[in-house]
Full PDB file with SEQRES, HELIX, SHEET, SSBOND, CRYST1, ORIGX, SCALE, CONECT and MASTER records, all heavy atoms in Angstrom:
SEQRES   1 A   42  PHE ARG ALA GLY ILE GLU ILE ASP GLY ARG LEU THR LEU          
SEQRES   2 A   42  PRO THR LYS ILE LYS ILE ILE ALA HIS GLU LYS THR ILE          
SEQRES   3 A   42  SER THR ALA GLN ILE ILE ILE ARG GLU GLY ARG ASN ARG          
SEQRES   4 A   42  GLN VAL ARG                                                  
SHEET    1 AA1 2 GLU A   6  ILE A   7  0                                        
SHEET    2 AA1 2 ARG A  10  LEU A  11 -1                                        
SHEET    1 AA2 2 LYS A  16  HIS A  22  0                                        
SHEET    2 AA2 2 SER A  27  ILE A  32 -1                                        
CRYST1    1.000    1.000    1.000  90.00  90.00  90.00 P 1           1          
ORIGX1      1.000000  0.000000  0.000000        0.00000                         
ORIGX2      0.000000  1.000000  0.000000        0.00000                         
ORIGX3      0.000000  0.000000  1.000000        0.00000                         
SCALE1      1.000000  0.000000  0.000000        0.00000                         
SCALE2      0.000000  1.000000  0.000000        0.00000                         
SCALE3      0.000000  0.000000  1.000000        0.00000                         
ATOM      1  N   PHE A   1      -4.549  -3.894  -3.693  1.00  0.00           N  
ATOM      2  CA  PHE A   1      -3.925  -2.982  -2.730  1.00  0.00           C  
ATOM      3  C   PHE A   1      -4.864  -1.799  -2.454  1.00  0.00           C  
ATOM      4  O   PHE A   1      -5.071  -1.404  -1.308  1.00  0.00           O  
ATOM      5  CB  PHE A   1      -2.603  -2.481  -3.314  1.00  0.00           C  
ATOM      6  CG  PHE A   1      -1.679  -1.822  -2.332  1.00  0.00           C  
ATOM      7  CD1 PHE A   1      -0.625  -2.527  -1.780  1.00  0.00           C  
ATOM      8  CD2 PHE A   1      -1.844  -0.491  -1.974  1.00  0.00           C  
ATOM      9  CE1 PHE A   1       0.252  -1.924  -0.882  1.00  0.00           C  
ATOM     10  CE2 PHE A   1      -0.982   0.119  -1.081  1.00  0.00           C  
ATOM     11  CZ  PHE A   1       0.071  -0.600  -0.523  1.00  0.00           C  
ATOM     12  N   ARG A   2      -5.432  -1.233  -3.525  1.00  0.00           N  
ATOM     13  CA  ARG A   2      -6.325  -0.071  -3.387  1.00  0.00           C  
ATOM     14  C   ARG A   2      -7.600  -0.408  -2.626  1.00  0.00           C  
ATOM     15  O   ARG A   2      -8.105   0.392  -1.853  1.00  0.00           O  
ATOM     16  CB  ARG A   2      -6.677   0.466  -4.774  1.00  0.00           C  
ATOM     17  CG  ARG A   2      -5.499   1.055  -5.543  1.00  0.00           C  
ATOM     18  CD  ARG A   2      -5.891   1.477  -6.945  1.00  0.00           C  
ATOM     19  NE  ARG A   2      -4.745   2.001  -7.682  1.00  0.00           N  
ATOM     20  CZ  ARG A   2      -4.306   1.509  -8.838  1.00  0.00           C  
ATOM     21  NH1 ARG A   2      -4.944   0.486  -9.419  1.00  0.00           N  
ATOM     22  NH2 ARG A   2      -3.241   2.033  -9.427  1.00  0.00           N  
ATOM     23  N   ALA A   3      -8.117  -1.603  -2.852  1.00  0.00           N  
ATOM     24  CA  ALA A   3      -9.383  -1.991  -2.227  1.00  0.00           C  
ATOM     25  C   ALA A   3      -9.238  -2.244  -0.733  1.00  0.00           C  
ATOM     26  O   ALA A   3     -10.188  -2.074   0.038  1.00  0.00           O  
ATOM     27  CB  ALA A   3      -9.927  -3.237  -2.913  1.00  0.00           C  
ATOM     28  N   GLY A   4      -8.030  -2.638  -0.316  1.00  0.00           N  
ATOM     29  CA  GLY A   4      -7.799  -2.957   1.094  1.00  0.00           C  
ATOM     30  C   GLY A   4      -7.233  -4.352   1.234  1.00  0.00           C  
ATOM     31  O   GLY A   4      -7.653  -5.277   0.528  1.00  0.00           O  
ATOM     32  N   ILE A   5      -6.260  -4.487   2.111  1.00  0.00           N  
ATOM     33  CA  ILE A   5      -5.576  -5.762   2.340  1.00  0.00           C  
ATOM     34  C   ILE A   5      -5.842  -6.215   3.768  1.00  0.00           C  
ATOM     35  O   ILE A   5      -5.820  -5.406   4.703  1.00  0.00           O  
ATOM     36  CB  ILE A   5      -4.055  -5.619   2.137  1.00  0.00           C  
ATOM     37  CG1 ILE A   5      -3.718  -5.166   0.709  1.00  0.00           C  
ATOM     38  CG2 ILE A   5      -3.330  -6.907   2.487  1.00  0.00           C  
ATOM     39  CD1 ILE A   5      -3.929  -6.200  -0.352  1.00  0.00           C  
ATOM     40  N   GLU A   6      -6.084  -7.500   3.945  1.00  0.00           N  
ATOM     41  CA  GLU A   6      -6.289  -8.017   5.304  1.00  0.00           C  
ATOM     42  C   GLU A   6      -4.952  -8.130   6.021  1.00  0.00           C  
ATOM     43  O   GLU A   6      -4.049  -8.830   5.567  1.00  0.00           O  
ATOM     44  CB  GLU A   6      -6.984  -9.375   5.276  1.00  0.00           C  
ATOM     45  CG  GLU A   6      -7.336  -9.870   6.675  1.00  0.00           C  
ATOM     46  CD  GLU A   6      -8.158 -11.143   6.667  1.00  0.00           C  
ATOM     47  OE1 GLU A   6      -9.167 -11.195   5.935  1.00  0.00           O  
ATOM     48  OE2 GLU A   6      -7.780 -12.077   7.401  1.00  0.00           O  
ATOM     49  N   ILE A   7      -4.834  -7.408   7.134  1.00  0.00           N  
ATOM     50  CA  ILE A   7      -3.629  -7.438   7.960  1.00  0.00           C  
ATOM     51  C   ILE A   7      -4.027  -7.782   9.386  1.00  0.00           C  
ATOM     52  O   ILE A   7      -4.895  -7.123   9.969  1.00  0.00           O  
ATOM     53  CB  ILE A   7      -2.903  -6.069   7.950  1.00  0.00           C  
ATOM     54  CG1 ILE A   7      -2.343  -5.780   6.554  1.00  0.00           C  
ATOM     55  CG2 ILE A   7      -1.769  -6.046   8.965  1.00  0.00           C  
ATOM     56  CD1 ILE A   7      -1.688  -4.422   6.457  1.00  0.00           C  
ATOM     57  N   ASP A   8      -3.410  -8.810   9.919  1.00  0.00           N  
ATOM     58  CA  ASP A   8      -3.689  -9.232  11.301  1.00  0.00           C  
ATOM     59  C   ASP A   8      -5.192  -9.424  11.526  1.00  0.00           C  
ATOM     60  O   ASP A   8      -5.750  -9.011  12.546  1.00  0.00           O  
ATOM     61  CB  ASP A   8      -3.124  -8.212  12.287  1.00  0.00           C  
ATOM     62  CG  ASP A   8      -1.629  -8.011  12.127  1.00  0.00           C  
ATOM     63  OD1 ASP A   8      -0.934  -8.988  11.798  1.00  0.00           O  
ATOM     64  OD2 ASP A   8      -1.162  -6.862  12.317  1.00  0.00           O  
ATOM     65  N   GLY A   9      -5.854 -10.015  10.523  1.00  0.00           N  
ATOM     66  CA  GLY A   9      -7.269 -10.347  10.663  1.00  0.00           C  
ATOM     67  C   GLY A   9      -8.238  -9.208  10.427  1.00  0.00           C  
ATOM     68  O   GLY A   9      -9.438  -9.368  10.643  1.00  0.00           O  
ATOM     69  N   ARG A  10      -7.730  -8.052   9.956  1.00  0.00           N  
ATOM     70  CA  ARG A  10      -8.613  -6.903   9.745  1.00  0.00           C  
ATOM     71  C   ARG A  10      -8.249  -6.208   8.439  1.00  0.00           C  
ATOM     72  O   ARG A  10      -7.077  -6.013   8.133  1.00  0.00           O  
ATOM     73  CB  ARG A  10      -8.481  -5.938  10.931  1.00  0.00           C  
ATOM     74  CG  ARG A  10      -9.473  -4.787  10.937  1.00  0.00           C  
ATOM     75  CD  ARG A  10      -9.600  -4.209  12.359  1.00  0.00           C  
ATOM     76  NE  ARG A  10      -8.332  -3.794  12.902  1.00  0.00           N  
ATOM     77  CZ  ARG A  10      -7.873  -2.536  12.844  1.00  0.00           C  
ATOM     78  NH1 ARG A  10      -8.586  -1.597  12.235  1.00  0.00           N  
ATOM     79  NH2 ARG A  10      -6.714  -2.225  13.386  1.00  0.00           N  
ATOM     80  N   LEU A  11      -9.278  -5.836   7.673  1.00  0.00           N  
ATOM     81  CA  LEU A  11      -9.072  -5.203   6.382  1.00  0.00           C  
ATOM     82  C   LEU A  11      -8.644  -3.746   6.550  1.00  0.00           C  
ATOM     83  O   LEU A  11      -9.183  -3.024   7.381  1.00  0.00           O  
ATOM     84  CB  LEU A  11     -10.371  -5.261   5.575  1.00  0.00           C  
ATOM     85  CG  LEU A  11     -10.273  -5.111   4.053  1.00  0.00           C  
ATOM     86  CD1 LEU A  11      -9.514  -6.283   3.445  1.00  0.00           C  
ATOM     87  CD2 LEU A  11     -11.669  -5.014   3.448  1.00  0.00           C  
ATOM     88  N   THR A  12      -7.652  -3.327   5.756  1.00  0.00           N  
ATOM     89  CA  THR A  12      -7.243  -1.917   5.787  1.00  0.00           C  
ATOM     90  C   THR A  12      -8.273  -1.064   5.056  1.00  0.00           C  
ATOM     91  O   THR A  12      -9.049  -1.561   4.241  1.00  0.00           O  
ATOM     92  CB  THR A  12      -5.871  -1.720   5.108  1.00  0.00           C  
ATOM     93  OG1 THR A  12      -5.975  -2.098   3.725  1.00  0.00           O  
ATOM     94  CG2 THR A  12      -4.804  -2.550   5.777  1.00  0.00           C  
ATOM     95  N   LEU A  13      -8.262   0.226   5.331  1.00  0.00           N  
ATOM     96  CA  LEU A  13      -9.109   1.151   4.591  1.00  0.00           C  
ATOM     97  C   LEU A  13      -8.636   1.229   3.145  1.00  0.00           C  
ATOM     98  O   LEU A  13      -7.476   0.938   2.854  1.00  0.00           O  
ATOM     99  CB  LEU A  13      -9.043   2.546   5.229  1.00  0.00           C  
ATOM    100  CG  LEU A  13      -9.663   2.718   6.617  1.00  0.00           C  
ATOM    101  CD1 LEU A  13      -9.398   4.139   7.130  1.00  0.00           C  
ATOM    102  CD2 LEU A  13     -11.158   2.436   6.599  1.00  0.00           C  
ATOM    103  N   PRO A  14      -9.527   1.623   2.222  1.00  0.00           N  
ATOM    104  CA  PRO A  14      -9.098   1.808   0.828  1.00  0.00           C  
ATOM    105  C   PRO A  14      -7.869   2.711   0.749  1.00  0.00           C  
ATOM    106  O   PRO A  14      -7.746   3.693   1.488  1.00  0.00           O  
ATOM    107  CB  PRO A  14     -10.319   2.459   0.175  1.00  0.00           C  
ATOM    108  CG  PRO A  14     -11.469   1.930   0.971  1.00  0.00           C  
ATOM    109  CD  PRO A  14     -10.968   1.859   2.387  1.00  0.00           C  
ATOM    110  N   THR A  15      -6.950   2.371  -0.134  1.00  0.00           N  
ATOM    111  CA  THR A  15      -5.630   2.998  -0.215  1.00  0.00           C  
ATOM    112  C   THR A  15      -5.342   3.453  -1.645  1.00  0.00           C  
ATOM    113  O   THR A  15      -5.855   2.877  -2.595  1.00  0.00           O  
ATOM    114  CB  THR A  15      -4.561   1.980   0.230  1.00  0.00           C  
ATOM    115  OG1 THR A  15      -4.862   1.518   1.538  1.00  0.00           O  
ATOM    116  CG2 THR A  15      -3.181   2.593   0.234  1.00  0.00           C  
ATOM    117  N   LYS A  16      -4.530   4.488  -1.783  1.00  0.00           N  
ATOM    118  CA  LYS A  16      -4.113   4.944  -3.114  1.00  0.00           C  
ATOM    119  C   LYS A  16      -2.686   4.480  -3.381  1.00  0.00           C  
ATOM    120  O   LYS A  16      -1.826   4.586  -2.514  1.00  0.00           O  
ATOM    121  CB  LYS A  16      -4.178   6.472  -3.192  1.00  0.00           C  
ATOM    122  CG  LYS A  16      -5.566   7.051  -2.961  1.00  0.00           C  
ATOM    123  CD  LYS A  16      -5.522   8.577  -2.910  1.00  0.00           C  
ATOM    124  CE  LYS A  16      -6.879   9.159  -2.553  1.00  0.00           C  
ATOM    125  NZ  LYS A  16      -6.825  10.640  -2.423  1.00  0.00           N  
ATOM    126  N   ILE A  17      -2.455   3.968  -4.581  1.00  0.00           N  
ATOM    127  CA  ILE A  17      -1.107   3.585  -4.977  1.00  0.00           C  
ATOM    128  C   ILE A  17      -0.919   3.902  -6.458  1.00  0.00           C  
ATOM    129  O   ILE A  17      -1.817   3.657  -7.267  1.00  0.00           O  
ATOM    130  CB  ILE A  17      -0.820   2.088  -4.689  1.00  0.00           C  
ATOM    131  CG1 ILE A  17       0.634   1.745  -5.063  1.00  0.00           C  
ATOM    132  CG2 ILE A  17      -1.800   1.172  -5.395  1.00  0.00           C  
ATOM    133  CD1 ILE A  17       1.091   0.364  -4.597  1.00  0.00           C  
ATOM    134  N   LYS A  18       0.234   4.464  -6.792  1.00  0.00           N  
ATOM    135  CA  LYS A  18       0.535   4.828  -8.172  1.00  0.00           C  
ATOM    136  C   LYS A  18       2.013   4.555  -8.429  1.00  0.00           C  
ATOM    137  O   LYS A  18       2.878   5.040  -7.693  1.00  0.00           O  
ATOM    138  CB  LYS A  18       0.224   6.311  -8.408  1.00  0.00           C  
ATOM    139  CG  LYS A  18       0.559   6.801  -9.810  1.00  0.00           C  
ATOM    140  CD  LYS A  18       0.069   8.231 -10.029  1.00  0.00           C  
ATOM    141  CE  LYS A  18       0.845   9.229  -9.191  1.00  0.00           C  
ATOM    142  NZ  LYS A  18       0.477  10.637  -9.492  1.00  0.00           N  
ATOM    143  N   ILE A  19       2.298   3.770  -9.457  1.00  0.00           N  
ATOM    144  CA  ILE A  19       3.679   3.499  -9.840  1.00  0.00           C  
ATOM    145  C   ILE A  19       4.231   4.756 -10.514  1.00  0.00           C  
ATOM    146  O   ILE A  19       3.655   5.252 -11.487  1.00  0.00           O  
ATOM    147  CB  ILE A  19       3.783   2.299 -10.793  1.00  0.00           C  
ATOM    148  CG1 ILE A  19       3.167   1.041 -10.155  1.00  0.00           C  
ATOM    149  CG2 ILE A  19       5.243   2.050 -11.167  1.00  0.00           C  
ATOM    150  CD1 ILE A  19       3.841   0.594  -8.876  1.00  0.00           C  
ATOM    151  N   ILE A  20       5.354   5.268 -10.006  1.00  0.00           N  
ATOM    152  CA  ILE A  20       5.923   6.499 -10.577  1.00  0.00           C  
ATOM    153  C   ILE A  20       7.234   6.257 -11.312  1.00  0.00           C  
ATOM    154  O   ILE A  20       7.720   7.137 -12.031  1.00  0.00           O  
ATOM    155  CB  ILE A  20       6.110   7.572  -9.477  1.00  0.00           C  
ATOM    156  CG1 ILE A  20       6.986   7.061  -8.333  1.00  0.00           C  
ATOM    157  CG2 ILE A  20       4.771   8.049  -8.954  1.00  0.00           C  
ATOM    158  CD1 ILE A  20       7.257   8.103  -7.248  1.00  0.00           C  
ATOM    159  N   ALA A  21       7.801   5.058 -11.152  1.00  0.00           N  
ATOM    160  CA  ALA A  21       9.022   4.707 -11.881  1.00  0.00           C  
ATOM    161  C   ALA A  21       9.241   3.205 -11.740  1.00  0.00           C  
ATOM    162  O   ALA A  21       8.798   2.589 -10.769  1.00  0.00           O  
ATOM    163  CB  ALA A  21      10.230   5.458 -11.339  1.00  0.00           C  
ATOM    164  N   HIS A  22       9.905   2.617 -12.735  1.00  0.00           N  
ATOM    165  CA  HIS A  22      10.268   1.204 -12.605  1.00  0.00           C  
ATOM    166  C   HIS A  22      11.428   0.873 -13.531  1.00  0.00           C  
ATOM    167  O   HIS A  22      11.634   1.502 -14.575  1.00  0.00           O  
ATOM    168  CB  HIS A  22       9.068   0.294 -12.878  1.00  0.00           C  
ATOM    169  CG  HIS A  22       8.532   0.351 -14.271  1.00  0.00           C  
ATOM    170  ND1 HIS A  22       9.101  -0.311 -15.322  1.00  0.00           N  
ATOM    171  CD2 HIS A  22       7.462   1.009 -14.785  1.00  0.00           C  
ATOM    172  CE1 HIS A  22       8.406  -0.085 -16.420  1.00  0.00           C  
ATOM    173  NE2 HIS A  22       7.412   0.730 -16.126  1.00  0.00           N  
ATOM    174  N   GLU A  23      12.211  -0.127 -13.111  1.00  0.00           N  
ATOM    175  CA  GLU A  23      13.284  -0.669 -13.905  1.00  0.00           C  
ATOM    176  C   GLU A  23      12.958  -2.136 -14.155  1.00  0.00           C  
ATOM    177  O   GLU A  23      11.805  -2.540 -14.026  1.00  0.00           O  
ATOM    178  CB  GLU A  23      14.617  -0.480 -13.177  1.00  0.00           C  
ATOM    179  CG  GLU A  23      14.956   0.985 -12.917  1.00  0.00           C  
ATOM    180  CD  GLU A  23      16.219   1.172 -12.101  1.00  0.00           C  
ATOM    181  OE1 GLU A  23      16.888   0.150 -11.821  1.00  0.00           O  
ATOM    182  OE2 GLU A  23      16.537   2.316 -11.747  1.00  0.00           O  
ATOM    183  N   LYS A  24      13.954  -2.946 -14.447  1.00  0.00           N  
ATOM    184  CA  LYS A  24      13.678  -4.344 -14.767  1.00  0.00           C  
ATOM    185  C   LYS A  24      13.068  -5.102 -13.601  1.00  0.00           C  
ATOM    186  O   LYS A  24      12.121  -5.862 -13.762  1.00  0.00           O  
ATOM    187  CB  LYS A  24      14.970  -5.026 -15.217  1.00  0.00           C  
ATOM    188  CG  LYS A  24      15.451  -4.582 -16.596  1.00  0.00           C  
ATOM    189  CD  LYS A  24      16.683  -5.360 -17.017  1.00  0.00           C  
ATOM    190  CE  LYS A  24      17.132  -4.927 -18.409  1.00  0.00           C  
ATOM    191  NZ  LYS A  24      18.354  -5.673 -18.848  1.00  0.00           N  
ATOM    192  N   THR A  25      13.636  -4.919 -12.415  1.00  0.00           N  
ATOM    193  CA  THR A  25      13.188  -5.719 -11.266  1.00  0.00           C  
ATOM    194  C   THR A  25      12.756  -4.882 -10.062  1.00  0.00           C  
ATOM    195  O   THR A  25      12.451  -5.428  -9.012  1.00  0.00           O  
ATOM    196  CB  THR A  25      14.307  -6.668 -10.802  1.00  0.00           C  
ATOM    197  OG1 THR A  25      15.471  -5.889 -10.445  1.00  0.00           O  
ATOM    198  CG2 THR A  25      14.681  -7.643 -11.908  1.00  0.00           C  
ATOM    199  N   ILE A  26      12.751  -3.560 -10.202  1.00  0.00           N  
ATOM    200  CA  ILE A  26      12.436  -2.689  -9.063  1.00  0.00           C  
ATOM    201  C   ILE A  26      11.426  -1.612  -9.490  1.00  0.00           C  
ATOM    202  O   ILE A  26      11.543  -1.042 -10.580  1.00  0.00           O  
ATOM    203  CB  ILE A  26      13.714  -2.021  -8.518  1.00  0.00           C  
ATOM    204  CG1 ILE A  26      14.649  -3.072  -7.931  1.00  0.00           C  
ATOM    205  CG2 ILE A  26      13.381  -0.974  -7.462  1.00  0.00           C  
ATOM    206  CD1 ILE A  26      15.998  -2.528  -7.497  1.00  0.00           C  
ATOM    207  N   SER A  27      10.455  -1.355  -8.620  1.00  0.00           N  
ATOM    208  CA  SER A  27       9.460  -0.306  -8.864  1.00  0.00           C  
ATOM    209  C   SER A  27       9.471   0.709  -7.734  1.00  0.00           C  
ATOM    210  O   SER A  27       9.791   0.383  -6.591  1.00  0.00           O  
ATOM    211  CB  SER A  27       8.057  -0.913  -8.968  1.00  0.00           C  
ATOM    212  OG  SER A  27       7.961  -1.815 -10.033  1.00  0.00           O  
ATOM    213  N   THR A  28       9.101   1.927  -8.066  1.00  0.00           N  
ATOM    214  CA  THR A  28       8.910   2.981  -7.067  1.00  0.00           C  
ATOM    215  C   THR A  28       7.468   3.461  -7.164  1.00  0.00           C  
ATOM    216  O   THR A  28       6.969   3.721  -8.270  1.00  0.00           O  
ATOM    217  CB  THR A  28       9.872   4.161  -7.300  1.00  0.00           C  
ATOM    218  OG1 THR A  28      11.215   3.677  -7.218  1.00  0.00           O  
ATOM    219  CG2 THR A  28       9.667   5.240  -6.241  1.00  0.00           C  
ATOM    220  N   ALA A  29       6.812   3.570  -6.021  1.00  0.00           N  
ATOM    221  CA  ALA A  29       5.398   3.938  -6.004  1.00  0.00           C  
ATOM    222  C   ALA A  29       5.122   5.025  -4.983  1.00  0.00           C  
ATOM    223  O   ALA A  29       5.835   5.169  -3.986  1.00  0.00           O  
ATOM    224  CB  ALA A  29       4.535   2.712  -5.687  1.00  0.00           C  
ATOM    225  N   GLN A  30       4.081   5.783  -5.264  1.00  0.00           N  
ATOM    226  CA  GLN A  30       3.538   6.730  -4.290  1.00  0.00           C  
ATOM    227  C   GLN A  30       2.331   6.057  -3.651  1.00  0.00           C  
ATOM    228  O   GLN A  30       1.436   5.588  -4.343  1.00  0.00           O  
ATOM    229  CB  GLN A  30       3.112   8.014  -4.997  1.00  0.00           C  
ATOM    230  CG  GLN A  30       2.416   9.022  -4.084  1.00  0.00           C  
ATOM    231  CD  GLN A  30       1.945  10.230  -4.863  1.00  0.00           C  
ATOM    232  OE1 GLN A  30       2.732  11.092  -5.217  1.00  0.00           O  
ATOM    233  NE2 GLN A  30       0.649  10.286  -5.169  1.00  0.00           N  
ATOM    234  N   ILE A  31       2.336   5.985  -2.326  1.00  0.00           N  
ATOM    235  CA  ILE A  31       1.272   5.299  -1.585  1.00  0.00           C  
ATOM    236  C   ILE A  31       0.664   6.260  -0.571  1.00  0.00           C  
ATOM    237  O   ILE A  31       1.398   6.944   0.158  1.00  0.00           O  
ATOM    238  CB  ILE A  31       1.818   4.046  -0.863  1.00  0.00           C  
ATOM    239  CG1 ILE A  31       2.337   3.027  -1.888  1.00  0.00           C  
ATOM    240  CG2 ILE A  31       0.751   3.415   0.029  1.00  0.00           C  
ATOM    241  CD1 ILE A  31       3.067   1.844  -1.272  1.00  0.00           C  
ATOM    242  N   ILE A  32      -0.659   6.311  -0.512  1.00  0.00           N  
ATOM    243  CA  ILE A  32      -1.354   7.166   0.448  1.00  0.00           C  
ATOM    244  C   ILE A  32      -2.302   6.305   1.274  1.00  0.00           C  
ATOM    245  O   ILE A  32      -3.176   5.616   0.721  1.00  0.00           O  
ATOM    246  CB  ILE A  32      -2.141   8.292  -0.249  1.00  0.00           C  
ATOM    247  CG1 ILE A  32      -1.190   9.191  -1.056  1.00  0.00           C  
ATOM    248  CG2 ILE A  32      -2.911   9.126   0.784  1.00  0.00           C  
ATOM    249  CD1 ILE A  32      -1.898  10.257  -1.878  1.00  0.00           C  
ATOM    250  N   ILE A  33      -2.133   6.347   2.591  1.00  0.00           N  
ATOM    251  CA  ILE A  33      -3.024   5.619   3.499  1.00  0.00           C  
ATOM    252  C   ILE A  33      -3.735   6.596   4.426  1.00  0.00           C  
ATOM    253  O   ILE A  33      -3.297   7.733   4.587  1.00  0.00           O  
ATOM    254  CB  ILE A  33      -2.260   4.563   4.334  1.00  0.00           C  
ATOM    255  CG1 ILE A  33      -1.220   5.239   5.233  1.00  0.00           C  
ATOM    256  CG2 ILE A  33      -1.605   3.539   3.423  1.00  0.00           C  
ATOM    257  CD1 ILE A  33      -0.528   4.266   6.185  1.00  0.00           C  
ATOM    258  N   ARG A  34      -4.836   6.138   5.030  1.00  0.00           N  
ATOM    259  CA  ARG A  34      -5.621   7.006   5.915  1.00  0.00           C  
ATOM    260  C   ARG A  34      -5.718   6.443   7.330  1.00  0.00           C  
ATOM    261  O   ARG A  34      -6.616   6.789   8.082  1.00  0.00           O  
ATOM    262  CB  ARG A  34      -7.024   7.215   5.333  1.00  0.00           C  
ATOM    263  CG  ARG A  34      -7.034   8.038   4.059  1.00  0.00           C  
ATOM    264  CD  ARG A  34      -8.440   8.253   3.538  1.00  0.00           C  
ATOM    265  NE  ARG A  34      -8.988   7.007   2.991  1.00  0.00           N  
ATOM    266  CZ  ARG A  34     -10.201   6.556   3.256  1.00  0.00           C  
ATOM    267  NH1 ARG A  34     -10.999   7.195   4.085  1.00  0.00           N  
ATOM    268  NH2 ARG A  34     -10.639   5.432   2.704  1.00  0.00           N  
ATOM    269  N   GLU A  35      -4.795   5.570   7.663  1.00  0.00           N  
ATOM    270  CA  GLU A  35      -4.706   5.033   9.020  1.00  0.00           C  
ATOM    271  C   GLU A  35      -3.232   4.777   9.296  1.00  0.00           C  
ATOM    272  O   GLU A  35      -2.397   4.994   8.424  1.00  0.00           O  
ATOM    273  CB  GLU A  35      -5.550   3.763   9.161  1.00  0.00           C  
ATOM    274  CG  GLU A  35      -5.264   2.724   8.103  1.00  0.00           C  
ATOM    275  CD  GLU A  35      -6.255   1.563   8.117  1.00  0.00           C  
ATOM    276  OE1 GLU A  35      -6.880   1.304   9.160  1.00  0.00           O  
ATOM    277  OE2 GLU A  35      -6.398   0.901   7.078  1.00  0.00           O  
ATOM    278  N   GLY A  36      -2.913   4.346  10.494  1.00  0.00           N  
ATOM    279  CA  GLY A  36      -1.505   4.189  10.828  1.00  0.00           C  
ATOM    280  C   GLY A  36      -1.237   2.934  11.625  1.00  0.00           C  
ATOM    281  O   GLY A  36      -0.668   2.976  12.709  1.00  0.00           O  
ATOM    282  N   ARG A  37      -1.637   1.798  11.091  1.00  0.00           N  
ATOM    283  CA  ARG A  37      -1.432   0.539  11.790  1.00  0.00           C  
ATOM    284  C   ARG A  37       0.039   0.110  11.741  1.00  0.00           C  
ATOM    285  O   ARG A  37       0.805   0.563  10.877  1.00  0.00           O  
ATOM    286  CB  ARG A  37      -2.348  -0.525  11.193  1.00  0.00           C  
ATOM    287  CG  ARG A  37      -3.822  -0.235  11.516  1.00  0.00           C  
ATOM    288  CD  ARG A  37      -4.804  -0.875  10.573  1.00  0.00           C  
ATOM    289  NE  ARG A  37      -4.704  -2.330  10.607  1.00  0.00           N  
ATOM    290  CZ  ARG A  37      -5.497  -3.124   9.886  1.00  0.00           C  
ATOM    291  NH1 ARG A  37      -6.405  -2.602   9.082  1.00  0.00           N  
ATOM    292  NH2 ARG A  37      -5.360  -4.435   9.962  1.00  0.00           N  
ATOM    293  N   ASN A  38       0.422  -0.761  12.658  1.00  0.00           N  
ATOM    294  CA  ASN A  38       1.820  -1.167  12.809  1.00  0.00           C  
ATOM    295  C   ASN A  38       2.390  -1.753  11.518  1.00  0.00           C  
ATOM    296  O   ASN A  38       1.874  -2.745  11.003  1.00  0.00           O  
ATOM    297  CB  ASN A  38       1.917  -2.189  13.948  1.00  0.00           C  
ATOM    298  CG  ASN A  38       3.343  -2.601  14.228  1.00  0.00           C  
ATOM    299  OD1 ASN A  38       4.261  -1.786  14.183  1.00  0.00           O  
ATOM    300  ND2 ASN A  38       3.547  -3.880  14.521  1.00  0.00           N  
ATOM    301  N   ARG A  39       3.438  -1.108  10.984  1.00  0.00           N  
ATOM    302  CA  ARG A  39       4.126  -1.563   9.779  1.00  0.00           C  
ATOM    303  C   ARG A  39       3.153  -1.817   8.624  1.00  0.00           C  
ATOM    304  O   ARG A  39       3.326  -2.730   7.818  1.00  0.00           O  
ATOM    305  CB  ARG A  39       4.950  -2.828  10.084  1.00  0.00           C  
ATOM    306  CG  ARG A  39       6.007  -2.608  11.155  1.00  0.00           C  
ATOM    307  CD  ARG A  39       6.747  -3.883  11.514  1.00  0.00           C  
ATOM    308  NE  ARG A  39       7.577  -4.375  10.425  1.00  0.00           N  
ATOM    309  CZ  ARG A  39       8.816  -3.970  10.178  1.00  0.00           C  
ATOM    310  NH1 ARG A  39       9.375  -3.040  10.931  1.00  0.00           N  
ATOM    311  NH2 ARG A  39       9.507  -4.479   9.173  1.00  0.00           N  
ATOM    312  N   GLN A  40       2.137  -0.964   8.533  1.00  0.00           N  
ATOM    313  CA  GLN A  40       1.045  -1.206   7.592  1.00  0.00           C  
ATOM    314  C   GLN A  40       1.487  -1.290   6.136  1.00  0.00           C  
ATOM    315  O   GLN A  40       1.144  -2.243   5.421  1.00  0.00           O  
ATOM    316  CB  GLN A  40      -0.026  -0.114   7.733  1.00  0.00           C  
ATOM    317  CG  GLN A  40      -1.190  -0.279   6.760  1.00  0.00           C  
ATOM    318  CD  GLN A  40      -2.280   0.735   6.970  1.00  0.00           C  
ATOM    319  OE1 GLN A  40      -2.412   1.305   8.049  1.00  0.00           O  
ATOM    320  NE2 GLN A  40      -3.070   0.985   5.941  1.00  0.00           N  
ATOM    321  N   VAL A  41       2.229  -0.288   5.660  1.00  0.00           N  
ATOM    322  CA  VAL A  41       2.624  -0.276   4.248  1.00  0.00           C  
ATOM    323  C   VAL A  41       3.507  -1.479   3.942  1.00  0.00           C  
ATOM    324  O   VAL A  41       3.364  -2.128   2.894  1.00  0.00           O  
ATOM    325  CB  VAL A  41       3.337   1.039   3.886  1.00  0.00           C  
ATOM    326  CG1 VAL A  41       3.844   1.007   2.451  1.00  0.00           C  
ATOM    327  CG2 VAL A  41       2.384   2.226   4.069  1.00  0.00           C  
ATOM    328  N   ARG A  42       4.426  -1.803   4.827  1.00  0.00           N  
ATOM    329  CA  ARG A  42       5.304  -2.964   4.614  1.00  0.00           C  
ATOM    330  C   ARG A  42       4.489  -4.249   4.488  1.00  0.00           C  
ATOM    331  O   ARG A  42       4.728  -5.074   3.597  1.00  0.00           O  
ATOM    332  CB  ARG A  42       6.302  -3.104   5.768  1.00  0.00           C  
ATOM    333  CG  ARG A  42       7.347  -2.007   5.787  1.00  0.00           C  
ATOM    334  CD  ARG A  42       8.391  -2.188   6.870  1.00  0.00           C  
ATOM    335  NE  ARG A  42       9.322  -1.083   6.814  1.00  0.00           N  
ATOM    336  CZ  ARG A  42      10.357  -1.020   5.969  1.00  0.00           C  
ATOM    337  NH1 ARG A  42      10.583  -2.026   5.142  1.00  0.00           N  
ATOM    338  NH2 ARG A  42      11.151   0.028   5.959  1.00  0.00           N  
TER     339      ARG A  42                                                      
MASTER        0    0    0    0    4    0    0    6  338    1    0    4          
END                                                                             
């Protein structure tokens, strides 16, 4: 995720992600991106 994910044929910029809480089946994370592509984080 941090290195970049290919979306719609193009790699995203490097991204920051940090898990800040989690339970058995659900996690909460802080995510920082430097671009704004369509539904990028999703």
